[in-house]
Amino acid sequence: MNRAELIELIADKAELTKAAAARALDALLDGVAVSLRKGDPVVLVNFGTFVVKQRAAREGRNPQTGQKIDIKAAKIVGFKAGKALKDAVKDKDR
């Protein structure tokens, strides 16, 4: 699903115009980004939790030359799915 398809889904489910759904999606994404930038987790009950994790500096290799390179430490976004989301995507044939 891409952004346009998600906006259309939101508009249909919430009975909004596509423009209003796009503004709502933008507000949600901006809110998540602001919270994560501050280092705060974003917990959406039954959906999942977004957190900022620290990835340590490490040594890697250039795949073309095999030369060692230093990879800097970085902040990354992690996501842990909630129970309802996990259940929604489970294979029903099991």
PDB file of N, CA and C in Angstrom:
ATOM      1  N   MET A   1       0.854  -1.168   0.000  1.00  0.00           N
ATOM      2  CA  MET A   1       0.000   0.000   0.000  1.00  0.00           C
ATOM      3  C   MET A   1       0.901   1.233   0.000  1.00  0.00           C
ATOM      4  N   ASN A   2       0.610   2.170  -0.870  1.00  0.00           N
ATOM      5  CA  ASN A   2       1.380   3.399  -0.899  1.00  0.00           C
ATOM      6  C   ASN A   2       0.605   4.526  -0.204  1.00  0.00           C
ATOM      7  N   ARG A   3       1.200   5.702  -0.173  1.00  0.00           N
ATOM      8  CA  ARG A   3       0.599   6.837   0.534  1.00  0.00           C
ATOM      9  C   ARG A   3      -0.794   7.178  -0.004  1.00  0.00           C
ATOM     10  N   ALA A   4      -0.935   7.228  -1.323  1.00  0.00           N
ATOM     11  CA  ALA A   4      -2.230   7.583  -1.916  1.00  0.00           C
ATOM     12  C   ALA A   4      -3.301   6.554  -1.566  1.00  0.00           C
ATOM     13  N   GLU A   5      -2.937   5.292  -1.586  1.00  0.00           N
ATOM     14  CA  GLU A   5      -3.893   4.237  -1.236  1.00  0.00           C
ATOM     15  C   GLU A   5      -4.279   4.324   0.242  1.00  0.00           C
ATOM     16  N   LEU A   6      -3.319   4.653   1.098  1.00  0.00           N
ATOM     17  CA  LEU A   6      -3.602   4.804   2.520  1.00  0.00           C
ATOM     18  C   LEU A   6      -4.533   5.990   2.759  1.00  0.00           C
ATOM     19  N   ILE A   7      -4.292   7.088   2.082  1.00  0.00           N
ATOM     20  CA  ILE A   7      -5.173   8.257   2.212  1.00  0.00           C
ATOM     21  C   ILE A   7      -6.584   7.909   1.771  1.00  0.00           C
ATOM     22  N   GLU A   8      -6.705   7.181   0.682  1.00  0.00           N
ATOM     23  CA  GLU A   8      -8.024   6.774   0.206  1.00  0.00           C
ATOM     24  C   GLU A   8      -8.723   5.871   1.215  1.00  0.00           C
ATOM     25  N   LEU A   9      -7.989   4.946   1.813  1.00  0.00           N
ATOM     26  CA  LEU A   9      -8.550   4.058   2.835  1.00  0.00           C
ATOM     27  C   LEU A   9      -9.025   4.849   4.052  1.00  0.00           C
ATOM     28  N   ILE A  10      -8.201   5.794   4.509  1.00  0.00           N
ATOM     29  CA  ILE A  10      -8.582   6.627   5.650  1.00  0.00           C
ATOM     30  C   ILE A  10      -9.825   7.431   5.324  1.00  0.00           C
ATOM     31  N   ALA A  11      -9.859   8.005   4.141  1.00  0.00           N
ATOM     32  CA  ALA A  11     -11.016   8.802   3.724  1.00  0.00           C
ATOM     33  C   ALA A  11     -12.284   7.955   3.722  1.00  0.00           C
ATOM     34  N   ASP A  12     -12.204   6.743   3.191  1.00  0.00           N
ATOM     35  CA  ASP A  12     -13.378   5.861   3.143  1.00  0.00           C
ATOM     36  C   ASP A  12     -13.820   5.422   4.533  1.00  0.00           C
ATOM     37  N   LYS A  13     -12.872   4.957   5.352  1.00  0.00           N
ATOM     38  CA  LYS A  13     -13.203   4.432   6.680  1.00  0.00           C
ATOM     39  C   LYS A  13     -13.710   5.512   7.624  1.00  0.00           C
ATOM     40  N   ALA A  14     -13.133   6.715   7.548  1.00  0.00           N
ATOM     41  CA  ALA A  14     -13.495   7.793   8.474  1.00  0.00           C
ATOM     42  C   ALA A  14     -14.518   8.752   7.873  1.00  0.00           C
ATOM     43  N   GLU A  15     -14.965   8.456   6.650  1.00  0.00           N
ATOM     44  CA  GLU A  15     -15.930   9.307   5.951  1.00  0.00           C
ATOM     45  C   GLU A  15     -15.439  10.753   5.894  1.00  0.00           C
ATOM     46  N   LEU A  16     -14.210  10.899   5.404  1.00  0.00           N
ATOM     47  CA  LEU A  16     -13.579  12.204   5.233  1.00  0.00           C
ATOM     48  C   LEU A  16     -13.297  12.431   3.757  1.00  0.00           C
ATOM     49  N   THR A  17     -13.028  13.684   3.422  1.00  0.00           N
ATOM     50  CA  THR A  17     -12.544  13.950   2.074  1.00  0.00           C
ATOM     51  C   THR A  17     -11.101  13.459   2.001  1.00  0.00           C
ATOM     52  N   LYS A  18     -10.620  13.264   0.797  1.00  0.00           N
ATOM     53  CA  LYS A  18      -9.225  12.834   0.641  1.00  0.00           C
ATOM     54  C   LYS A  18      -8.274  13.901   1.167  1.00  0.00           C
ATOM     55  N   ALA A  19      -8.626  15.167   0.988  1.00  0.00           N
ATOM     56  CA  ALA A  19      -7.777  16.252   1.489  1.00  0.00           C
ATOM     57  C   ALA A  19      -7.700  16.212   3.005  1.00  0.00           C
ATOM     58  N   ALA A  20      -8.827  15.989   3.676  1.00  0.00           N
ATOM     59  CA  ALA A  20      -8.846  15.914   5.138  1.00  0.00           C
ATOM     60  C   ALA A  20      -8.089  14.679   5.618  1.00  0.00           C
ATOM     61  N   ALA A  21      -8.237  13.579   4.906  1.00  0.00           N
ATOM     62  CA  ALA A  21      -7.522  12.360   5.269  1.00  0.00           C
ATOM     63  C   ALA A  21      -6.011  12.561   5.110  1.00  0.00           C
ATOM     64  N   ALA A  22      -5.596  13.273   4.066  1.00  0.00           N
ATOM     65  CA  ALA A  22      -4.174  13.545   3.856  1.00  0.00           C
ATOM     66  C   ALA A  22      -3.636  14.417   4.978  1.00  0.00           C
ATOM     67  N   ARG A  23      -4.400  15.427   5.403  1.00  0.00           N
ATOM     68  CA  ARG A  23      -3.971  16.286   6.515  1.00  0.00           C
ATOM     69  C   ARG A  23      -3.874  15.471   7.806  1.00  0.00           C
ATOM     70  N   ALA A  24      -4.827  14.564   8.026  1.00  0.00           N
ATOM     71  CA  ALA A  24      -4.809  13.727   9.227  1.00  0.00           C
ATOM     72  C   ALA A  24      -3.581  12.809   9.225  1.00  0.00           C
ATOM     73  N   LEU A  25      -3.289  12.216   8.085  1.00  0.00           N
ATOM     74  CA  LEU A  25      -2.119  11.345   7.977  1.00  0.00           C
ATOM     75  C   LEU A  25      -0.836  12.139   8.201  1.00  0.00           C
ATOM     76  N   ASP A  26      -0.745  13.319   7.597  1.00  0.00           N
ATOM     77  CA  ASP A  26       0.426  14.171   7.789  1.00  0.00           C
ATOM     78  C   ASP A  26       0.604  14.548   9.258  1.00  0.00           C
ATOM     79  N   ALA A  27      -0.507  14.868   9.935  1.00  0.00           N
ATOM     80  CA  ALA A  27      -0.441  15.232  11.354  1.00  0.00           C
ATOM     81  C   ALA A  27       0.046  14.049  12.188  1.00  0.00           C
ATOM     82  N   LEU A  28      -0.434  12.861  11.887  1.00  0.00           N
ATOM     83  CA  LEU A  28      -0.002  11.664  12.606  1.00  0.00           C
ATOM     84  C   LEU A  28       1.492  11.428  12.408  1.00  0.00           C
ATOM     85  N   LEU A  29       1.941  11.466  11.175  1.00  0.00           N
ATOM     86  CA  LEU A  29       3.351  11.212  10.887  1.00  0.00           C
ATOM     87  C   LEU A  29       4.247  12.288  11.495  1.00  0.00           C
ATOM     88  N   ASP A  30       3.810  13.544  11.448  1.00  0.00           N
ATOM     89  CA  ASP A  30       4.584  14.626  12.072  1.00  0.00           C
ATOM     90  C   ASP A  30       4.672  14.423  13.580  1.00  0.00           C
ATOM     91  N   GLY A  31       3.572  14.026  14.195  1.00  0.00           N
ATOM     92  CA  GLY A  31       3.562  13.788  15.638  1.00  0.00           C
ATOM     93  C   GLY A  31       4.500  12.666  16.041  1.00  0.00           C
ATOM     94  N   VAL A  32       4.501  11.599  15.266  1.00  0.00           N
ATOM     95  CA  VAL A  32       5.407  10.477  15.538  1.00  0.00           C
ATOM     96  C   VAL A  32       6.856  10.940  15.413  1.00  0.00           C
ATOM     97  N   ALA A  33       7.158  11.688  14.360  1.00  0.00           N
ATOM     98  CA  ALA A  33       8.530  12.155  14.143  1.00  0.00           C
ATOM     99  C   ALA A  33       8.986  13.097  15.258  1.00  0.00           C
ATOM    100  N   VAL A  34       8.116  14.001  15.682  1.00  0.00           N
ATOM    101  CA  VAL A  34       8.469  14.945  16.754  1.00  0.00           C
ATOM    102  C   VAL A  34       8.753  14.196  18.051  1.00  0.00           C
ATOM    103  N   SER A  35       7.921  13.244  18.375  1.00  0.00           N
ATOM    104  CA  SER A  35       8.106  12.480  19.601  1.00  0.00           C
ATOM    105  C   SER A  35       9.409  11.683  19.564  1.00  0.00           C
ATOM    106  N   LEU A  36       9.677  11.021  18.455  1.00  0.00           N
ATOM    107  CA  LEU A  36      10.896  10.229  18.330  1.00  0.00           C
ATOM    108  C   LEU A  36      12.133  11.119  18.344  1.00  0.00           C
ATOM    109  N   ARG A  37      12.038  12.306  17.730  1.00  0.00           N
ATOM    110  CA  ARG A  37      13.166  13.236  17.723  1.00  0.00           C
ATOM    111  C   ARG A  37      13.536  13.632  19.148  1.00  0.00           C
ATOM    112  N   LYS A  38      12.522  13.742  20.031  1.00  0.00           N
ATOM    113  CA  LYS A  38      12.769  14.075  21.439  1.00  0.00           C
ATOM    114  C   LYS A  38      13.256  12.859  22.223  1.00  0.00           C
ATOM    115  N   GLY A  39      13.203  11.689  21.621  1.00  0.00           N
ATOM    116  CA  GLY A  39      13.637  10.475  22.302  1.00  0.00           C
ATOM    117  C   GLY A  39      12.521   9.752  23.015  1.00  0.00           C
ATOM    118  N   ASP A  40      11.286  10.228  22.837  1.00  0.00           N
ATOM    119  CA  ASP A  40      10.132   9.603  23.484  1.00  0.00           C
ATOM    120  C   ASP A  40       9.563   8.502  22.597  1.00  0.00           C
ATOM    121  N   PRO A  41       9.160   7.375  23.177  1.00  0.00           N
ATOM    122  CA  PRO A  41       8.529   6.330  22.370  1.00  0.00           C
ATOM    123  C   PRO A  41       7.111   6.739  21.984  1.00  0.00           C
ATOM    124  N   VAL A  42       6.604   6.152  20.926  1.00  0.00           N
ATOM    125  CA  VAL A  42       5.221   6.358  20.501  1.00  0.00           C
ATOM    126  C   VAL A  42       4.525   5.016  20.645  1.00  0.00           C
ATOM    127  N   VAL A  43       3.585   4.940  21.572  1.00  0.00           N
ATOM    128  CA  VAL A  43       2.883   3.691  21.858  1.00  0.00           C
ATOM    129  C   VAL A  43       1.459   3.793  21.330  1.00  0.00           C
ATOM    130  N   LEU A  44       1.125   2.947  20.375  1.00  0.00           N
ATOM    131  CA  LEU A  44      -0.226   2.869  19.836  1.00  0.00           C
ATOM    132  C   LEU A  44      -0.779   1.512  20.264  1.00  0.00           C
ATOM    133  N   VAL A  45      -1.600   1.529  21.290  1.00  0.00           N
ATOM    134  CA  VAL A  45      -2.107   0.293  21.889  1.00  0.00           C
ATOM    135  C   VAL A  45      -2.776  -0.560  20.807  1.00  0.00           C
ATOM    136  N   ASN A  46      -2.471  -1.840  20.825  1.00  0.00           N
ATOM    137  CA  ASN A  46      -2.963  -2.850  19.884  1.00  0.00           C
ATOM    138  C   ASN A  46      -2.361  -2.720  18.490  1.00  0.00           C
ATOM    139  N   PHE A  47      -1.525  -1.722  18.253  1.00  0.00           N
ATOM    140  CA  PHE A  47      -0.853  -1.605  16.965  1.00  0.00           C
ATOM    141  C   PHE A  47       0.634  -1.865  17.123  1.00  0.00           C
ATOM    142  N   GLY A  48       1.294  -1.044  17.946  1.00  0.00           N
ATOM    143  CA  GLY A  48       2.713  -1.256  18.159  1.00  0.00           C
ATOM    144  C   GLY A  48       3.382  -0.061  18.797  1.00  0.00           C
ATOM    145  N   THR A  49       4.692  -0.176  18.970  1.00  0.00           N
ATOM    146  CA  THR A  49       5.475   0.856  19.630  1.00  0.00           C
ATOM    147  C   THR A  49       6.674   1.225  18.758  1.00  0.00           C
ATOM    148  N   PHE A  50       6.828   2.523  18.513  1.00  0.00           N
ATOM    149  CA  PHE A  50       7.990   3.058  17.814  1.00  0.00           C
ATOM    150  C   PHE A  50       8.953   3.579  18.870  1.00  0.00           C
ATOM    151  N   VAL A  51      10.223   3.234  18.762  1.00  0.00           N
ATOM    152  CA  VAL A  51      11.238   3.709  19.700  1.00  0.00           C
ATOM    153  C   VAL A  51      12.497   4.088  18.940  1.00  0.00           C
ATOM    154  N   VAL A  52      13.289   4.966  19.551  1.00  0.00           N
ATOM    155  CA  VAL A  52      14.593   5.308  18.991  1.00  0.00           C
ATOM    156  C   VAL A  52      15.619   4.427  19.679  1.00  0.00           C
ATOM    157  N   LYS A  53      16.429   3.762  18.881  1.00  0.00           N
ATOM    158  CA  LYS A  53      17.480   2.896  19.404  1.00  0.00           C
ATOM    159  C   LYS A  53      18.829   3.459  18.987  1.00  0.00           C
ATOM    160  N   GLN A  54      19.842   3.163  19.775  1.00  0.00           N
ATOM    161  CA  GLN A  54      21.205   3.595  19.465  1.00  0.00           C
ATOM    162  C   GLN A  54      21.952   2.421  18.859  1.00  0.00           C
ATOM    163  N   ARG A  55      22.445   2.588  17.655  1.00  0.00           N
ATOM    164  CA  ARG A  55      23.270   1.557  17.026  1.00  0.00           C
ATOM    165  C   ARG A  55      24.723   1.932  17.261  1.00  0.00           C
ATOM    166  N   ALA A  56      25.485   1.021  17.813  1.00  0.00           N
ATOM    167  CA  ALA A  56      26.890   1.273  18.141  1.00  0.00           C
ATOM    168  C   ALA A  56      27.737   1.405  16.878  1.00  0.00           C
ATOM    169  N   ALA A  57      28.844   2.112  17.023  1.00  0.00           N
ATOM    170  CA  ALA A  57      29.806   2.201  15.928  1.00  0.00           C
ATOM    171  C   ALA A  57      30.382   0.804  15.700  1.00  0.00           C
ATOM    172  N   ARG A  58      30.717   0.528  14.471  1.00  0.00           N
ATOM    173  CA  ARG A  58      31.247  -0.808  14.165  1.00  0.00           C
ATOM    174  C   ARG A  58      32.148  -0.728  12.937  1.00  0.00           C
ATOM    175  N   GLU A  59      32.807  -1.815  12.688  1.00  0.00           N
ATOM    176  CA  GLU A  59      33.685  -1.897  11.526  1.00  0.00           C
ATOM    177  C   GLU A  59      32.990  -2.725  10.462  1.00  0.00           C
ATOM    178  N   GLY A  60      33.025  -2.250   9.236  1.00  0.00           N
ATOM    179  CA  GLY A  60      32.431  -2.981   8.130  1.00  0.00           C
ATOM    180  C   GLY A  60      33.440  -3.147   7.013  1.00  0.00           C
ATOM    181  N   ARG A  61      32.970  -3.679   5.905  1.00  0.00           N
ATOM    182  CA  ARG A  61      33.846  -3.867   4.746  1.00  0.00           C
ATOM    183  C   ARG A  61      33.141  -3.335   3.505  1.00  0.00           C
ATOM    184  N   ASN A  62      33.939  -2.703   2.648  1.00  0.00           N
ATOM    185  CA  ASN A  62      33.448  -2.280   1.352  1.00  0.00           C
ATOM    186  C   ASN A  62      33.257  -3.551   0.525  1.00  0.00           C
ATOM    187  N   PRO A  63      32.035  -3.828   0.056  1.00  0.00           N
ATOM    188  CA  PRO A  63      31.812  -5.085  -0.664  1.00  0.00           C
ATOM    189  C   PRO A  63      32.549  -5.174  -1.998  1.00  0.00           C
ATOM    190  N   GLN A  64      32.900  -4.048  -2.585  1.00  0.00           N
ATOM    191  CA  GLN A  64      33.599  -4.086  -3.868  1.00  0.00           C
ATOM    192  C   GLN A  64      35.089  -4.327  -3.708  1.00  0.00           C
ATOM    193  N   THR A  65      35.683  -3.716  -2.668  1.00  0.00           N
ATOM    194  CA  THR A  65      37.135  -3.817  -2.514  1.00  0.00           C
ATOM    195  C   THR A  65      37.564  -4.696  -1.351  1.00  0.00           C
ATOM    196  N   GLY A  66      36.649  -4.947  -0.417  1.00  0.00           N
ATOM    197  CA  GLY A  66      37.007  -5.712   0.769  1.00  0.00           C
ATOM    198  C   GLY A  66      37.729  -4.885   1.810  1.00  0.00           C
ATOM    199  N   GLN A  67      37.934  -3.593   1.534  1.00  0.00           N
ATOM    200  CA  GLN A  67      38.639  -2.704   2.450  1.00  0.00           C
ATOM    201  C   GLN A  67      37.785  -2.443   3.690  1.00  0.00           C
ATOM    202  N   LYS A  68      38.436  -2.412   4.860  1.00  0.00           N
ATOM    203  CA  LYS A  68      37.737  -2.128   6.108  1.00  0.00           C
ATOM    204  C   LYS A  68      37.298  -0.670   6.131  1.00  0.00           C
ATOM    205  N   ILE A  69      36.084  -0.435   6.653  1.00  0.00           N
ATOM    206  CA  ILE A  69      35.587   0.934   6.818  1.00  0.00           C
ATOM    207  C   ILE A  69      34.976   1.054   8.210  1.00  0.00           C
ATOM    208  N   ASP A  70      35.037   2.252   8.753  1.00  0.00           N
ATOM    209  CA  ASP A  70      34.427   2.518  10.053  1.00  0.00           C
ATOM    210  C   ASP A  70      33.017   3.040   9.824  1.00  0.00           C
ATOM    211  N   ILE A  71      32.060   2.435  10.486  1.00  0.00           N
ATOM    212  CA  ILE A  71      30.673   2.861  10.400  1.00  0.00           C
ATOM    213  C   ILE A  71      30.350   3.566  11.709  1.00  0.00           C
ATOM    214  N   LYS A  72      29.891   4.809  11.610  1.00  0.00           N
ATOM    215  CA  LYS A  72      29.620   5.630  12.788  1.00  0.00           C
ATOM    216  C   LYS A  72      28.413   5.109  13.562  1.00  0.00           C
ATOM    217  N   ALA A  73      28.363   5.453  14.841  1.00  0.00           N
ATOM    218  CA  ALA A  73      27.188   5.168  15.655  1.00  0.00           C
ATOM    219  C   ALA A  73      26.019   5.965  15.084  1.00  0.00           C
ATOM    220  N   ALA A  74      24.813   5.447  15.258  1.00  0.00           N
ATOM    221  CA  ALA A  74      23.642   6.122  14.696  1.00  0.00           C
ATOM    222  C   ALA A  74      22.405   5.846  15.529  1.00  0.00           C
ATOM    223  N   LYS A  75      21.477   6.769  15.459  1.00  0.00           N
ATOM    224  CA  LYS A  75      20.160   6.548  16.042  1.00  0.00           C
ATOM    225  C   LYS A  75      19.286   5.962  14.948  1.00  0.00           C
ATOM    226  N   ILE A  76      18.543   4.910  15.304  1.00  0.00           N
ATOM    227  CA  ILE A  76      17.641   4.281  14.340  1.00  0.00           C
ATOM    228  C   ILE A  76      16.262   4.145  14.968  1.00  0.00           C
ATOM    229  N   VAL A  77      15.260   4.018  14.136  1.00  0.00           N
ATOM    230  CA  VAL A  77      13.895   3.834  14.614  1.00  0.00           C
ATOM    231  C   VAL A  77      13.596   2.345  14.638  1.00  0.00           C
ATOM    232  N   GLY A  78      13.092   1.900  15.772  1.00  0.00           N
ATOM    233  CA  GLY A  78      12.681   0.510  15.905  1.00  0.00           C
ATOM    234  C   GLY A  78      11.172   0.444  16.059  1.00  0.00           C
ATOM    235  N   PHE A  79      10.595  -0.665  15.680  1.00  0.00           N
ATOM    236  CA  PHE A  79       9.154  -0.862  15.810  1.00  0.00           C
ATOM    237  C   PHE A  79       8.904  -2.262  16.337  1.00  0.00           C
ATOM    238  N   LYS A  80       8.041  -2.343  17.343  1.00  0.00           N
ATOM    239  CA  LYS A  80       7.634  -3.645  17.875  1.00  0.00           C
ATOM    240  C   LYS A  80       6.125  -3.734  17.720  1.00  0.00           C
ATOM    241  N   ALA A  81       5.678  -4.713  16.968  1.00  0.00           N
ATOM    242  CA  ALA A  81       4.250  -4.875  16.709  1.00  0.00           C
ATOM    243  C   ALA A  81       3.509  -5.275  17.974  1.00  0.00           C
ATOM    244  N   GLY A  82       2.309  -4.741  18.121  1.00  0.00           N
ATOM    245  CA  GLY A  82       1.444  -5.095  19.241  1.00  0.00           C
ATOM    246  C   GLY A  82       0.698  -6.393  18.964  1.00  0.00           C
ATOM    247  N   LYS A  83       0.044  -6.925  19.972  1.00  0.00           N
ATOM    248  CA  LYS A  83      -0.631  -8.214  19.850  1.00  0.00           C
ATOM    249  C   LYS A  83      -1.706  -8.212  18.767  1.00  0.00           C
ATOM    250  N   ALA A  84      -2.524  -7.179  18.726  1.00  0.00           N
ATOM    251  CA  ALA A  84      -3.599  -7.140  17.737  1.00  0.00           C
ATOM    252  C   ALA A  84      -3.046  -7.120  16.311  1.00  0.00           C
ATOM    253  N   LEU A  85      -1.961  -6.397  16.089  1.00  0.00           N
ATOM    254  CA  LEU A  85      -1.351  -6.356  14.757  1.00  0.00           C
ATOM    255  C   LEU A  85      -0.752  -7.710  14.415  1.00  0.00           C
ATOM    256  N   LYS A  86      -0.083  -8.326  15.380  1.00  0.00           N
ATOM    257  CA  LYS A  86       0.485  -9.661  15.142  1.00  0.00           C
ATOM    258  C   LYS A  86      -0.619 -10.650  14.787  1.00  0.00           C
ATOM    259  N   ASP A  87      -1.715 -10.594  15.542  1.00  0.00           N
ATOM    260  CA  ASP A  87      -2.829 -11.509  15.277  1.00  0.00           C
ATOM    261  C   ASP A  87      -3.461 -11.256  13.921  1.00  0.00           C
ATOM    262  N   ALA A  88      -3.504  -9.990  13.490  1.00  0.00           N
ATOM    263  CA  ALA A  88      -4.115  -9.634  12.216  1.00  0.00           C
ATOM    264  C   ALA A  88      -3.338 -10.176  11.025  1.00  0.00           C
ATOM    265  N   VAL A  89      -2.035 -10.358  11.179  1.00  0.00           N
ATOM    266  CA  VAL A  89      -1.229 -10.822  10.049  1.00  0.00           C
ATOM    267  C   VAL A  89      -0.840 -12.297  10.137  1.00  0.00           C
ATOM    268  N   LYS A  90      -1.289 -12.964  11.194  1.00  0.00           N
ATOM    269  CA  LYS A  90      -0.985 -14.387  11.324  1.00  0.00           C
ATOM    270  C   LYS A  90      -1.590 -15.169  10.170  1.00  0.00           C
ATOM    271  N   ASP A  91      -0.904 -16.220   9.824  1.00  0.00           N
ATOM    272  CA  ASP A  91      -1.388 -17.123   8.796  1.00  0.00           C
ATOM    273  C   ASP A  91      -2.559 -17.905   9.375  1.00  0.00           C
ATOM    274  N   LYS A  92      -3.732 -17.776   8.799  1.00  0.00           N
ATOM    275  CA  LYS A  92      -4.933 -18.428   9.317  1.00  0.00           C
ATOM    276  C   LYS A  92      -4.988 -19.917   9.018  1.00  0.00           C
ATOM    277  N   ASP A  93      -4.077 -20.415   8.155  1.00  0.00           N
ATOM    278  CA  ASP A  93      -4.080 -21.835   7.790  1.00  0.00           C
ATOM    279  C   ASP A  93      -3.379 -22.708   8.814  1.00  0.00           C
ATOM    280  N   ARG A  94      -2.746 -22.126   9.794  1.00  0.00           N
ATOM    281  CA  ARG A  94      -1.982 -22.923  10.758  1.00  0.00           C
ATOM    282  C   ARG A  94      -2.878 -23.551  11.769  1.00  0.00           C
TER     283      ARG A  94
END
